[in-house]
Amino acid sequence: MSQDVATVLLGDPFAVMNTIGLVAFAFVGASKGIDEEFDLFGIAIVGLAMAFAGGVTRDLLVMRVPLALQSPIEIGLGLLGILLAILLSIALSSPERHPVTVISDAIGLAAFATTGAIVATEAGISALGIIAVAMINAAGGGAFADILLDRSPFILFEDFYASCAVLGGISYWLVGPVGGLEGMAAAACATITVMTRLIAVSYGWSLPTAQDLERLRA
């Protein structure tokens, strides 16, 4: 599945979502690097890692050459997101926590959950596999970026984040392979993922911990 400018402009669901996800996640990852006061090279590494780690893992799981190694456009989109983050940092003192970054993160999460679900469906794997690959594609880059930043991946202990991608993957499977509507499935996955993430941020949703359950019992 090679990507070029023509397929993006023609509106292929995978190409569109992949483009959005790469720019958005490179932007978010670079913003994290800027917040840690990394140099420009470090900022670029974190931005590219967040943009590509999830997709590379996805491609390896379905046993194909990572798309990031097939098309120079992929790297260009990542660099565009990094450039936007650097420009924003000139105007803002804390770009990582700015609403633009939060919204970009939600959009990237939704876009990559959708691309993961599309690739998994084309690979002919099970419903559980579609949901798992959607989540890994969406949340893997952020987890890898946190490791580079010497943090525990936040998807493991706070926020309602990877769960949004799980819900998106479920919606893709319900509307697509079951309903036979692949375009609608992609739209449903992206919409469910981004909306649940934005609502979760607005209301401070998080999954309970074992300690929370223990306190309830007490």
N, C-alpha and C. Protein backbone atom coordinates (compact mmCIF):
# COMPACT_ATOMS: atom_id res chain seq x y z
N MET A 1 0.85 -1.19 0.00
CA MET A 1 0.00 0.00 0.00
C MET A 1 0.89 1.24 0.00
N SER A 2 1.34 1.66 -1.13
CA SER A 2 2.19 2.84 -1.20
C SER A 2 1.33 4.09 -1.18
N GLN A 3 1.87 5.11 -0.52
CA GLN A 3 1.14 6.36 -0.41
C GLN A 3 1.79 7.41 -1.29
N ASP A 4 0.99 8.16 -2.01
CA ASP A 4 1.51 9.29 -2.75
C ASP A 4 0.50 10.42 -2.65
N VAL A 5 0.89 11.58 -3.20
CA VAL A 5 0.04 12.76 -3.09
C VAL A 5 -1.31 12.54 -3.74
N ALA A 6 -1.33 11.83 -4.86
CA ALA A 6 -2.58 11.63 -5.57
C ALA A 6 -3.59 10.87 -4.72
N THR A 7 -3.13 9.82 -4.02
CA THR A 7 -4.09 9.04 -3.22
C THR A 7 -4.63 9.86 -2.07
N VAL A 8 -3.79 10.72 -1.50
CA VAL A 8 -4.27 11.59 -0.42
C VAL A 8 -5.36 12.51 -0.93
N LEU A 9 -5.09 13.14 -2.09
CA LEU A 9 -6.05 14.09 -2.64
C LEU A 9 -7.33 13.40 -3.07
N LEU A 10 -7.24 12.16 -3.52
CA LEU A 10 -8.43 11.43 -3.95
C LEU A 10 -9.26 10.92 -2.77
N GLY A 11 -8.72 11.02 -1.57
CA GLY A 11 -9.52 10.72 -0.40
C GLY A 11 -9.54 9.27 0.03
N ASP A 12 -8.51 8.49 -0.30
CA ASP A 12 -8.42 7.13 0.22
C ASP A 12 -8.41 7.20 1.74
N PRO A 13 -9.31 6.45 2.44
CA PRO A 13 -9.41 6.58 3.90
C PRO A 13 -8.09 6.34 4.61
N PHE A 14 -7.33 5.32 4.20
CA PHE A 14 -6.06 5.06 4.87
C PHE A 14 -5.10 6.22 4.68
N ALA A 15 -4.96 6.70 3.44
CA ALA A 15 -4.01 7.78 3.15
C ALA A 15 -4.36 9.05 3.91
N VAL A 16 -5.64 9.38 3.96
CA VAL A 16 -6.07 10.60 4.65
C VAL A 16 -5.79 10.49 6.13
N MET A 17 -6.20 9.38 6.76
CA MET A 17 -6.01 9.20 8.19
C MET A 17 -4.53 9.11 8.55
N ASN A 18 -3.75 8.43 7.71
CA ASN A 18 -2.32 8.31 7.96
C ASN A 18 -1.64 9.67 7.90
N THR A 19 -2.03 10.49 6.95
CA THR A 19 -1.46 11.83 6.82
C THR A 19 -1.77 12.67 8.05
N ILE A 20 -3.04 12.66 8.47
CA ILE A 20 -3.44 13.42 9.65
C ILE A 20 -2.70 12.94 10.89
N GLY A 21 -2.64 11.62 11.04
CA GLY A 21 -1.99 11.06 12.22
C GLY A 21 -0.51 11.39 12.30
N LEU A 22 0.20 11.30 11.18
CA LEU A 22 1.63 11.58 11.17
C LEU A 22 1.91 13.03 11.57
N VAL A 23 1.21 13.96 10.97
CA VAL A 23 1.44 15.38 11.28
C VAL A 23 1.07 15.67 12.73
N ALA A 24 -0.09 15.17 13.17
CA ALA A 24 -0.56 15.46 14.52
C ALA A 24 0.36 14.87 15.58
N PHE A 25 0.76 13.61 15.42
CA PHE A 25 1.59 12.98 16.45
C PHE A 25 3.02 13.49 16.43
N ALA A 26 3.56 13.83 15.25
CA ALA A 26 4.88 14.45 15.21
C ALA A 26 4.84 15.80 15.93
N PHE A 27 3.76 16.52 15.75
CA PHE A 27 3.57 17.81 16.43
C PHE A 27 3.55 17.61 17.95
N VAL A 28 2.78 16.63 18.42
CA VAL A 28 2.65 16.39 19.85
C VAL A 28 3.98 15.91 20.44
N GLY A 29 4.63 14.94 19.76
CA GLY A 29 5.90 14.44 20.25
C GLY A 29 6.96 15.52 20.32
N ALA A 30 7.04 16.34 19.29
CA ALA A 30 8.00 17.45 19.29
C ALA A 30 7.70 18.43 20.42
N SER A 31 6.42 18.67 20.69
CA SER A 31 6.04 19.56 21.79
C SER A 31 6.52 19.02 23.12
N LYS A 32 6.46 17.69 23.28
CA LYS A 32 6.98 17.07 24.51
C LYS A 32 8.49 17.31 24.64
N GLY A 33 9.21 17.14 23.53
CA GLY A 33 10.64 17.37 23.54
C GLY A 33 11.00 18.82 23.84
N ILE A 34 10.23 19.73 23.30
CA ILE A 34 10.44 21.16 23.56
C ILE A 34 10.23 21.46 25.04
N ASP A 35 9.18 20.86 25.63
CA ASP A 35 8.88 21.08 27.04
C ASP A 35 10.00 20.57 27.94
N GLU A 36 10.71 19.53 27.47
CA GLU A 36 11.85 18.98 28.24
C GLU A 36 13.15 19.73 27.94
N GLU A 37 13.08 20.77 27.10
CA GLU A 37 14.23 21.59 26.73
C GLU A 37 15.30 20.79 25.97
N PHE A 38 14.85 19.85 25.13
CA PHE A 38 15.77 19.12 24.26
C PHE A 38 16.30 20.06 23.19
N ASP A 39 17.44 19.69 22.59
CA ASP A 39 17.91 20.47 21.44
C ASP A 39 17.09 20.07 20.20
N LEU A 40 17.36 20.73 19.08
CA LEU A 40 16.53 20.51 17.90
C LEU A 40 16.57 19.07 17.41
N PHE A 41 17.75 18.45 17.53
CA PHE A 41 17.85 17.04 17.12
C PHE A 41 17.00 16.16 18.03
N GLY A 42 17.08 16.39 19.33
CA GLY A 42 16.27 15.62 20.28
C GLY A 42 14.79 15.82 20.06
N ILE A 43 14.39 17.05 19.77
CA ILE A 43 12.99 17.34 19.48
C ILE A 43 12.52 16.54 18.27
N ALA A 44 13.36 16.52 17.23
CA ALA A 44 13.00 15.79 16.01
C ALA A 44 12.90 14.29 16.28
N ILE A 45 13.80 13.75 17.08
CA ILE A 45 13.78 12.32 17.37
C ILE A 45 12.50 11.94 18.11
N VAL A 46 12.13 12.72 19.12
CA VAL A 46 10.91 12.41 19.87
C VAL A 46 9.68 12.57 18.98
N GLY A 47 9.67 13.61 18.16
CA GLY A 47 8.54 13.82 17.26
C GLY A 47 8.38 12.68 16.26
N LEU A 48 9.48 12.27 15.66
CA LEU A 48 9.42 11.18 14.68
C LEU A 48 9.08 9.85 15.35
N ALA A 49 9.60 9.63 16.56
CA ALA A 49 9.30 8.40 17.28
C ALA A 49 7.81 8.30 17.58
N MET A 50 7.22 9.40 18.02
CA MET A 50 5.79 9.37 18.32
C MET A 50 4.97 9.18 17.06
N ALA A 51 5.43 9.75 15.97
CA ALA A 51 4.69 9.63 14.71
C ALA A 51 4.77 8.24 14.10
N PHE A 52 5.92 7.56 14.26
CA PHE A 52 6.16 6.33 13.50
C PHE A 52 6.18 5.04 14.30
N ALA A 53 6.43 5.10 15.59
CA ALA A 53 6.60 3.86 16.37
C ALA A 53 5.36 2.98 16.33
N GLY A 54 4.19 3.58 16.46
CA GLY A 54 2.96 2.80 16.44
C GLY A 54 2.71 2.16 15.09
N GLY A 55 2.95 2.90 14.02
CA GLY A 55 2.72 2.37 12.68
C GLY A 55 3.71 1.28 12.30
N VAL A 56 4.96 1.45 12.71
CA VAL A 56 5.97 0.42 12.44
C VAL A 56 5.60 -0.87 13.16
N THR A 57 5.19 -0.75 14.42
CA THR A 57 4.77 -1.93 15.19
C THR A 57 3.57 -2.60 14.52
N ARG A 58 2.63 -1.80 14.08
CA ARG A 58 1.46 -2.33 13.35
C ARG A 58 1.87 -3.14 12.14
N ASP A 59 2.77 -2.57 11.34
CA ASP A 59 3.18 -3.25 10.11
C ASP A 59 3.93 -4.55 10.41
N LEU A 60 4.76 -4.54 11.43
CA LEU A 60 5.47 -5.76 11.80
C LEU A 60 4.51 -6.84 12.29
N LEU A 61 3.45 -6.44 12.98
CA LEU A 61 2.48 -7.41 13.47
C LEU A 61 1.74 -8.11 12.33
N VAL A 62 1.52 -7.39 11.22
CA VAL A 62 0.83 -8.00 10.09
C VAL A 62 1.82 -8.48 9.01
N MET A 63 3.11 -8.49 9.41
CA MET A 63 4.18 -9.06 8.57
C MET A 63 4.30 -8.38 7.21
N ARG A 64 4.46 -7.06 7.25
CA ARG A 64 4.75 -6.34 6.02
C ARG A 64 5.84 -5.32 6.29
N VAL A 65 6.51 -4.87 5.23
CA VAL A 65 7.56 -3.85 5.37
C VAL A 65 6.91 -2.57 5.90
N PRO A 66 7.45 -1.98 6.98
CA PRO A 66 6.85 -0.76 7.52
C PRO A 66 6.66 0.31 6.45
N LEU A 67 5.49 0.90 6.45
CA LEU A 67 5.18 1.91 5.45
C LEU A 67 6.14 3.09 5.52
N ALA A 68 6.64 3.38 6.73
CA ALA A 68 7.58 4.49 6.90
C ALA A 68 8.85 4.30 6.07
N LEU A 69 9.19 3.05 5.73
CA LEU A 69 10.38 2.77 4.94
C LEU A 69 10.10 2.71 3.45
N GLN A 70 8.85 2.84 3.06
CA GLN A 70 8.48 2.72 1.66
C GLN A 70 8.28 4.06 0.95
N SER A 71 8.00 5.11 1.70
CA SER A 71 7.64 6.37 1.06
C SER A 71 8.33 7.55 1.75
N PRO A 72 9.06 8.39 0.99
CA PRO A 72 9.68 9.58 1.60
C PRO A 72 8.65 10.59 2.06
N ILE A 73 7.43 10.50 1.54
CA ILE A 73 6.38 11.42 1.96
C ILE A 73 6.10 11.25 3.45
N GLU A 74 6.23 10.02 3.95
CA GLU A 74 5.99 9.76 5.38
C GLU A 74 6.90 10.63 6.25
N ILE A 75 8.18 10.61 5.97
CA ILE A 75 9.13 11.40 6.76
C ILE A 75 8.84 12.89 6.61
N GLY A 76 8.49 13.30 5.40
CA GLY A 76 8.17 14.71 5.17
C GLY A 76 6.99 15.18 6.01
N LEU A 77 5.97 14.34 6.14
CA LEU A 77 4.82 14.70 6.97
C LEU A 77 5.22 14.81 8.44
N GLY A 78 6.08 13.89 8.89
CA GLY A 78 6.56 13.97 10.26
C GLY A 78 7.35 15.25 10.51
N LEU A 79 8.20 15.61 9.58
CA LEU A 79 9.00 16.83 9.72
C LEU A 79 8.11 18.07 9.71
N LEU A 80 7.02 18.03 8.96
CA LEU A 80 6.08 19.15 8.95
C LEU A 80 5.47 19.34 10.35
N GLY A 81 5.08 18.24 10.98
CA GLY A 81 4.53 18.34 12.33
C GLY A 81 5.54 18.89 13.32
N ILE A 82 6.80 18.48 13.18
CA ILE A 82 7.86 18.98 14.06
C ILE A 82 8.07 20.47 13.86
N LEU A 83 8.08 20.91 12.61
CA LEU A 83 8.24 22.33 12.30
C LEU A 83 7.11 23.15 12.91
N LEU A 84 5.89 22.66 12.80
CA LEU A 84 4.75 23.38 13.38
C LEU A 84 4.89 23.51 14.89
N ALA A 85 5.39 22.44 15.55
CA ALA A 85 5.57 22.49 17.00
C ALA A 85 6.63 23.52 17.38
N ILE A 86 7.72 23.58 16.61
CA ILE A 86 8.78 24.56 16.91
C ILE A 86 8.26 25.98 16.73
N LEU A 87 7.49 26.20 15.67
CA LEU A 87 6.93 27.53 15.44
C LEU A 87 5.97 27.91 16.56
N LEU A 88 5.15 26.95 17.02
CA LEU A 88 4.22 27.24 18.10
C LEU A 88 4.96 27.55 19.39
N SER A 89 6.08 26.86 19.62
CA SER A 89 6.83 27.08 20.86
C SER A 89 7.41 28.48 20.94
N ILE A 90 7.63 29.10 19.79
CA ILE A 90 8.14 30.47 19.77
C ILE A 90 7.09 31.44 20.32
N ALA A 91 5.81 31.11 20.07
CA ALA A 91 4.73 31.98 20.51
C ALA A 91 4.21 31.62 21.91
N LEU A 92 4.41 30.37 22.34
CA LEU A 92 3.86 29.91 23.61
C LEU A 92 4.96 29.42 24.53
N SER A 93 4.76 29.61 25.84
CA SER A 93 5.79 29.20 26.80
C SER A 93 5.71 27.72 27.14
N SER A 94 4.54 27.10 27.02
CA SER A 94 4.37 25.70 27.39
C SER A 94 3.51 25.00 26.35
N PRO A 95 4.07 24.69 25.17
CA PRO A 95 3.25 24.15 24.08
C PRO A 95 2.66 22.76 24.37
N GLU A 96 3.33 21.95 25.24
CA GLU A 96 2.84 20.59 25.47
C GLU A 96 1.45 20.59 26.09
N ARG A 97 1.15 21.60 26.92
CA ARG A 97 -0.14 21.62 27.62
C ARG A 97 -1.15 22.57 26.98
N HIS A 98 -0.81 23.14 25.84
CA HIS A 98 -1.73 24.06 25.16
C HIS A 98 -2.89 23.28 24.55
N PRO A 99 -4.10 23.89 24.52
CA PRO A 99 -5.26 23.20 23.92
C PRO A 99 -5.01 22.72 22.50
N VAL A 100 -4.22 23.44 21.72
CA VAL A 100 -3.92 23.01 20.35
C VAL A 100 -3.22 21.65 20.36
N THR A 101 -2.30 21.47 21.31
CA THR A 101 -1.58 20.20 21.41
C THR A 101 -2.50 19.08 21.89
N VAL A 102 -3.36 19.39 22.86
CA VAL A 102 -4.30 18.39 23.38
C VAL A 102 -5.24 17.92 22.27
N ILE A 103 -5.74 18.86 21.49
CA ILE A 103 -6.64 18.51 20.39
C ILE A 103 -5.89 17.74 19.31
N SER A 104 -4.65 18.16 19.01
CA SER A 104 -3.85 17.45 18.02
C SER A 104 -3.60 16.01 18.46
N ASP A 105 -3.37 15.82 19.75
CA ASP A 105 -3.15 14.47 20.27
C ASP A 105 -4.39 13.61 20.08
N ALA A 106 -5.56 14.18 20.36
CA ALA A 106 -6.81 13.44 20.18
C ALA A 106 -7.05 13.09 18.71
N ILE A 107 -6.73 14.03 17.83
CA ILE A 107 -6.90 13.79 16.39
C ILE A 107 -5.93 12.71 15.92
N GLY A 108 -4.67 12.79 16.37
CA GLY A 108 -3.70 11.77 15.99
C GLY A 108 -4.09 10.39 16.50
N LEU A 109 -4.59 10.34 17.73
CA LEU A 109 -5.04 9.07 18.30
C LEU A 109 -6.15 8.47 17.44
N ALA A 110 -7.10 9.30 17.05
CA ALA A 110 -8.23 8.83 16.23
C ALA A 110 -7.76 8.38 14.85
N ALA A 111 -6.87 9.17 14.25
CA ALA A 111 -6.40 8.84 12.90
C ALA A 111 -5.64 7.52 12.89
N PHE A 112 -4.78 7.31 13.88
CA PHE A 112 -3.98 6.09 13.90
C PHE A 112 -4.78 4.88 14.37
N ALA A 113 -5.78 5.07 15.21
CA ALA A 113 -6.67 3.95 15.53
C ALA A 113 -7.36 3.47 14.25
N THR A 114 -7.73 4.42 13.41
CA THR A 114 -8.42 4.09 12.16
C THR A 114 -7.49 3.38 11.18
N THR A 115 -6.27 3.90 11.01
CA THR A 115 -5.34 3.25 10.09
C THR A 115 -4.99 1.85 10.57
N GLY A 116 -4.84 1.69 11.88
CA GLY A 116 -4.56 0.36 12.42
C GLY A 116 -5.68 -0.61 12.13
N ALA A 117 -6.92 -0.16 12.30
CA ALA A 117 -8.08 -1.02 12.03
C ALA A 117 -8.16 -1.38 10.55
N ILE A 118 -7.86 -0.41 9.68
CA ILE A 118 -7.91 -0.67 8.24
C ILE A 118 -6.87 -1.72 7.84
N VAL A 119 -5.64 -1.55 8.31
CA VAL A 119 -4.56 -2.48 7.96
C VAL A 119 -4.87 -3.87 8.51
N ALA A 120 -5.35 -3.93 9.74
CA ALA A 120 -5.67 -5.23 10.35
C ALA A 120 -6.78 -5.93 9.59
N THR A 121 -7.78 -5.18 9.15
CA THR A 121 -8.88 -5.77 8.38
C THR A 121 -8.38 -6.32 7.05
N GLU A 122 -7.52 -5.54 6.36
CA GLU A 122 -6.97 -5.99 5.09
C GLU A 122 -6.09 -7.21 5.25
N ALA A 123 -5.47 -7.36 6.44
CA ALA A 123 -4.63 -8.53 6.70
C ALA A 123 -5.45 -9.77 7.02
N GLY A 124 -6.76 -9.59 7.20
CA GLY A 124 -7.64 -10.72 7.43
C GLY A 124 -7.55 -11.33 8.81
N ILE A 125 -7.19 -10.53 9.82
CA ILE A 125 -7.09 -11.08 11.16
C ILE A 125 -8.44 -10.96 11.89
N SER A 126 -8.49 -11.53 13.08
CA SER A 126 -9.76 -11.64 13.80
C SER A 126 -10.23 -10.28 14.32
N ALA A 127 -11.45 -10.27 14.84
CA ALA A 127 -12.01 -9.05 15.43
C ALA A 127 -11.14 -8.55 16.56
N LEU A 128 -10.69 -9.47 17.42
CA LEU A 128 -9.81 -9.08 18.53
C LEU A 128 -8.51 -8.49 17.99
N GLY A 129 -8.00 -9.06 16.91
CA GLY A 129 -6.79 -8.53 16.31
C GLY A 129 -6.98 -7.13 15.76
N ILE A 130 -8.14 -6.88 15.13
CA ILE A 130 -8.43 -5.54 14.61
C ILE A 130 -8.41 -4.52 15.73
N ILE A 131 -9.05 -4.85 16.83
CA ILE A 131 -9.12 -3.93 17.97
C ILE A 131 -7.73 -3.72 18.58
N ALA A 132 -6.97 -4.82 18.72
CA ALA A 132 -5.64 -4.72 19.32
C ALA A 132 -4.69 -3.90 18.45
N VAL A 133 -4.71 -4.13 17.14
CA VAL A 133 -3.82 -3.39 16.25
C VAL A 133 -4.22 -1.91 16.20
N ALA A 134 -5.52 -1.62 16.24
CA ALA A 134 -5.97 -0.23 16.29
C ALA A 134 -5.41 0.46 17.53
N MET A 135 -5.46 -0.21 18.67
CA MET A 135 -4.95 0.38 19.92
C MET A 135 -3.43 0.56 19.86
N ILE A 136 -2.72 -0.46 19.38
CA ILE A 136 -1.26 -0.39 19.32
C ILE A 136 -0.80 0.71 18.37
N ASN A 137 -1.45 0.80 17.21
CA ASN A 137 -1.11 1.84 16.24
C ASN A 137 -1.34 3.23 16.84
N ALA A 138 -2.44 3.36 17.60
CA ALA A 138 -2.80 4.66 18.15
C ALA A 138 -1.95 5.06 19.35
N ALA A 139 -1.69 4.12 20.26
CA ALA A 139 -1.04 4.46 21.53
C ALA A 139 0.44 4.12 21.57
N GLY A 140 0.92 3.30 20.62
CA GLY A 140 2.31 2.86 20.66
C GLY A 140 3.32 3.99 20.53
N GLY A 141 3.04 4.95 19.67
CA GLY A 141 3.98 6.05 19.47
C GLY A 141 4.14 6.89 20.72
N GLY A 142 3.02 7.17 21.40
CA GLY A 142 3.08 7.96 22.62
C GLY A 142 3.85 7.25 23.72
N ALA A 143 3.64 5.93 23.82
CA ALA A 143 4.36 5.15 24.83
C ALA A 143 5.86 5.17 24.55
N PHE A 144 6.25 5.03 23.29
CA PHE A 144 7.67 5.04 22.94
C PHE A 144 8.28 6.41 23.19
N ALA A 145 7.54 7.47 22.88
CA ALA A 145 8.03 8.82 23.13
C ALA A 145 8.26 9.05 24.62
N ASP A 146 7.36 8.54 25.46
CA ASP A 146 7.53 8.69 26.91
C ASP A 146 8.78 7.98 27.39
N ILE A 147 9.09 6.82 26.81
CA ILE A 147 10.32 6.10 27.18
C ILE A 147 11.55 6.94 26.83
N LEU A 148 11.55 7.57 25.66
CA LEU A 148 12.65 8.45 25.28
C LEU A 148 12.78 9.63 26.23
N LEU A 149 11.64 10.06 26.79
CA LEU A 149 11.64 11.19 27.71
C LEU A 149 11.90 10.75 29.16
N ASP A 150 12.24 9.46 29.34
CA ASP A 150 12.54 8.90 30.66
C ASP A 150 11.34 8.98 31.59
N ARG A 151 10.15 8.69 31.03
CA ARG A 151 8.92 8.66 31.81
C ARG A 151 8.30 7.27 31.68
N SER A 152 7.53 6.88 32.68
CA SER A 152 6.70 5.69 32.51
C SER A 152 5.61 6.03 31.50
N PRO A 153 5.35 5.17 30.52
CA PRO A 153 4.30 5.48 29.54
C PRO A 153 2.98 5.79 30.23
N PHE A 154 2.46 6.99 29.98
CA PHE A 154 1.30 7.44 30.74
C PHE A 154 0.05 6.62 30.44
N ILE A 155 0.04 5.89 29.32
CA ILE A 155 -1.14 5.08 29.01
C ILE A 155 -1.31 3.93 30.01
N LEU A 156 -0.26 3.66 30.81
CA LEU A 156 -0.32 2.56 31.77
C LEU A 156 -0.89 2.97 33.12
N PHE A 157 -0.94 4.26 33.40
CA PHE A 157 -1.32 4.62 34.77
C PHE A 157 -2.20 5.86 34.89
N GLU A 158 -2.49 6.55 33.84
CA GLU A 158 -3.36 7.70 33.97
C GLU A 158 -4.10 7.96 32.68
N ASP A 159 -5.16 8.72 32.81
CA ASP A 159 -5.95 9.15 31.65
C ASP A 159 -6.75 8.01 31.01
N PHE A 160 -7.79 8.39 30.31
CA PHE A 160 -8.61 7.49 29.50
C PHE A 160 -8.14 7.70 28.08
N TYR A 161 -7.09 6.97 27.69
CA TYR A 161 -6.39 7.25 26.43
C TYR A 161 -6.43 6.07 25.47
N ALA A 162 -5.69 5.02 25.78
CA ALA A 162 -5.71 3.84 24.90
C ALA A 162 -7.11 3.25 24.82
N SER A 163 -7.89 3.41 25.88
CA SER A 163 -9.27 2.90 25.89
C SER A 163 -10.11 3.55 24.79
N CYS A 164 -9.80 4.80 24.46
CA CYS A 164 -10.53 5.48 23.39
C CYS A 164 -10.27 4.78 22.06
N ALA A 165 -9.01 4.37 21.83
CA ALA A 165 -8.67 3.66 20.61
C ALA A 165 -9.33 2.29 20.57
N VAL A 166 -9.45 1.64 21.73
CA VAL A 166 -10.15 0.36 21.80
C VAL A 166 -11.61 0.53 21.37
N LEU A 167 -12.25 1.57 21.88
CA LEU A 167 -13.64 1.83 21.50
C LEU A 167 -13.75 2.13 20.01
N GLY A 168 -12.77 2.87 19.48
CA GLY A 168 -12.76 3.15 18.05
C GLY A 168 -12.60 1.89 17.23
N GLY A 169 -11.69 1.00 17.66
CA GLY A 169 -11.49 -0.26 16.96
C GLY A 169 -12.74 -1.13 16.96
N ILE A 170 -13.44 -1.14 18.09
CA ILE A 170 -14.69 -1.90 18.18
C ILE A 170 -15.72 -1.34 17.20
N SER A 171 -15.82 -0.01 17.14
CA SER A 171 -16.79 0.61 16.24
C SER A 171 -16.45 0.31 14.78
N TYR A 172 -15.13 0.29 14.46
CA TYR A 172 -14.73 -0.04 13.09
C TYR A 172 -15.17 -1.46 12.73
N TRP A 173 -14.94 -2.39 13.64
CA TRP A 173 -15.30 -3.78 13.37
C TRP A 173 -16.81 -3.94 13.24
N LEU A 174 -17.57 -3.25 14.06
CA LEU A 174 -19.02 -3.38 14.01
C LEU A 174 -19.60 -2.82 12.71
N VAL A 175 -19.07 -1.67 12.27
CA VAL A 175 -19.63 -1.02 11.09
C VAL A 175 -19.03 -1.58 9.80
N GLY A 176 -17.74 -1.97 9.84
CA GLY A 176 -17.06 -2.42 8.63
C GLY A 176 -17.25 -3.87 8.28
N PRO A 177 -16.41 -4.76 8.84
CA PRO A 177 -16.52 -6.17 8.46
C PRO A 177 -17.90 -6.77 8.69
N VAL A 178 -18.60 -6.32 9.73
CA VAL A 178 -19.94 -6.85 9.99
C VAL A 178 -20.97 -6.17 9.11
N GLY A 179 -20.88 -4.83 9.00
CA GLY A 179 -21.87 -4.10 8.22
C GLY A 179 -21.52 -3.96 6.76
N GLY A 180 -20.25 -4.22 6.40
CA GLY A 180 -19.84 -4.14 5.00
C GLY A 180 -19.67 -2.72 4.49
N LEU A 181 -19.43 -1.75 5.37
CA LEU A 181 -19.31 -0.35 4.98
C LEU A 181 -17.95 0.18 5.44
N GLU A 182 -16.92 0.00 4.62
CA GLU A 182 -15.57 0.33 5.06
C GLU A 182 -15.37 1.83 5.24
N GLY A 183 -15.91 2.65 4.33
CA GLY A 183 -15.78 4.10 4.48
C GLY A 183 -16.48 4.60 5.72
N MET A 184 -17.66 4.10 5.97
CA MET A 184 -18.41 4.47 7.16
C MET A 184 -17.69 3.95 8.41
N ALA A 185 -17.07 2.79 8.31
CA ALA A 185 -16.35 2.23 9.45
C ALA A 185 -15.19 3.13 9.85
N ALA A 186 -14.45 3.64 8.85
CA ALA A 186 -13.34 4.53 9.15
C ALA A 186 -13.83 5.81 9.81
N ALA A 187 -14.93 6.36 9.31
CA ALA A 187 -15.49 7.57 9.90
C ALA A 187 -15.96 7.32 11.33
N ALA A 188 -16.59 6.16 11.54
CA ALA A 188 -17.08 5.82 12.88
C ALA A 188 -15.93 5.66 13.85
N CYS A 189 -14.87 4.97 13.43
CA CYS A 189 -13.72 4.76 14.30
C CYS A 189 -13.08 6.09 14.70
N ALA A 190 -12.84 6.95 13.71
CA ALA A 190 -12.21 8.24 13.98
C ALA A 190 -13.09 9.10 14.88
N THR A 191 -14.39 9.12 14.61
CA THR A 191 -15.29 9.96 15.39
C THR A 191 -15.40 9.49 16.83
N ILE A 192 -15.59 8.19 17.03
CA ILE A 192 -15.71 7.66 18.39
C ILE A 192 -14.43 7.90 19.18
N THR A 193 -13.29 7.67 18.54
CA THR A 193 -12.01 7.83 19.25
C THR A 193 -11.77 9.27 19.65
N VAL A 194 -11.92 10.20 18.73
CA VAL A 194 -11.61 11.59 19.04
C VAL A 194 -12.62 12.18 20.03
N MET A 195 -13.88 11.83 19.89
CA MET A 195 -14.89 12.38 20.79
C MET A 195 -14.72 11.85 22.22
N THR A 196 -14.49 10.54 22.35
CA THR A 196 -14.31 10.01 23.71
C THR A 196 -13.05 10.57 24.35
N ARG A 197 -12.00 10.78 23.55
CA ARG A 197 -10.78 11.36 24.12
C ARG A 197 -11.00 12.79 24.59
N LEU A 198 -11.65 13.60 23.78
CA LEU A 198 -11.89 14.99 24.17
C LEU A 198 -12.82 15.09 25.38
N ILE A 199 -13.82 14.22 25.43
CA ILE A 199 -14.71 14.20 26.59
C ILE A 199 -13.95 13.75 27.84
N ALA A 200 -13.09 12.74 27.67
CA ALA A 200 -12.29 12.25 28.80
C ALA A 200 -11.39 13.35 29.35
N VAL A 201 -10.78 14.13 28.47
CA VAL A 201 -9.92 15.24 28.91
C VAL A 201 -10.76 16.29 29.63
N SER A 202 -11.92 16.61 29.07
CA SER A 202 -12.77 17.65 29.64
C SER A 202 -13.27 17.30 31.04
N TYR A 203 -13.60 16.02 31.24
CA TYR A 203 -14.18 15.59 32.52
C TYR A 203 -13.21 14.83 33.41
N GLY A 204 -11.96 14.71 32.99
CA GLY A 204 -10.96 14.06 33.82
C GLY A 204 -11.19 12.58 34.02
N TRP A 205 -11.69 11.90 32.99
CA TRP A 205 -11.94 10.47 33.11
C TRP A 205 -10.63 9.70 33.27
N SER A 206 -10.68 8.61 34.03
CA SER A 206 -9.56 7.68 34.13
C SER A 206 -10.11 6.33 34.54
N LEU A 207 -9.39 5.28 34.22
CA LEU A 207 -9.80 3.95 34.63
C LEU A 207 -9.43 3.73 36.09
N PRO A 208 -10.21 2.95 36.83
CA PRO A 208 -9.89 2.71 38.25
C PRO A 208 -8.63 1.87 38.40
N THR A 209 -7.92 2.08 39.49
CA THR A 209 -6.76 1.26 39.82
C THR A 209 -7.19 0.18 40.82
N ALA A 210 -6.31 -0.77 41.06
CA ALA A 210 -6.60 -1.80 42.07
C ALA A 210 -6.77 -1.17 43.44
N GLN A 211 -6.00 -0.10 43.70
CA GLN A 211 -6.12 0.59 44.98
C GLN A 211 -7.49 1.27 45.14
N ASP A 212 -8.02 1.79 44.03
CA ASP A 212 -9.36 2.39 44.08
C ASP A 212 -10.40 1.34 44.45
N LEU A 213 -10.29 0.16 43.85
CA LEU A 213 -11.24 -0.90 44.14
C LEU A 213 -11.11 -1.37 45.59
N GLU A 214 -9.87 -1.38 46.09
CA GLU A 214 -9.65 -1.79 47.46
C GLU A 214 -10.28 -0.80 48.44
N ARG A 215 -10.17 0.50 48.11
CA ARG A 215 -10.78 1.51 48.97
C ARG A 215 -12.29 1.41 48.97
N LEU A 216 -12.87 1.07 47.83
CA LEU A 216 -14.33 0.91 47.76
C LEU A 216 -14.79 -0.25 48.64
N ARG A 217 -13.99 -1.32 48.65
CA ARG A 217 -14.35 -2.48 49.47
C ARG A 217 -14.27 -2.13 50.95
N ALA A 218 -13.28 -1.29 51.30
CA ALA A 218 -13.12 -0.90 52.69
C ALA A 218 -14.22 0.06 53.12
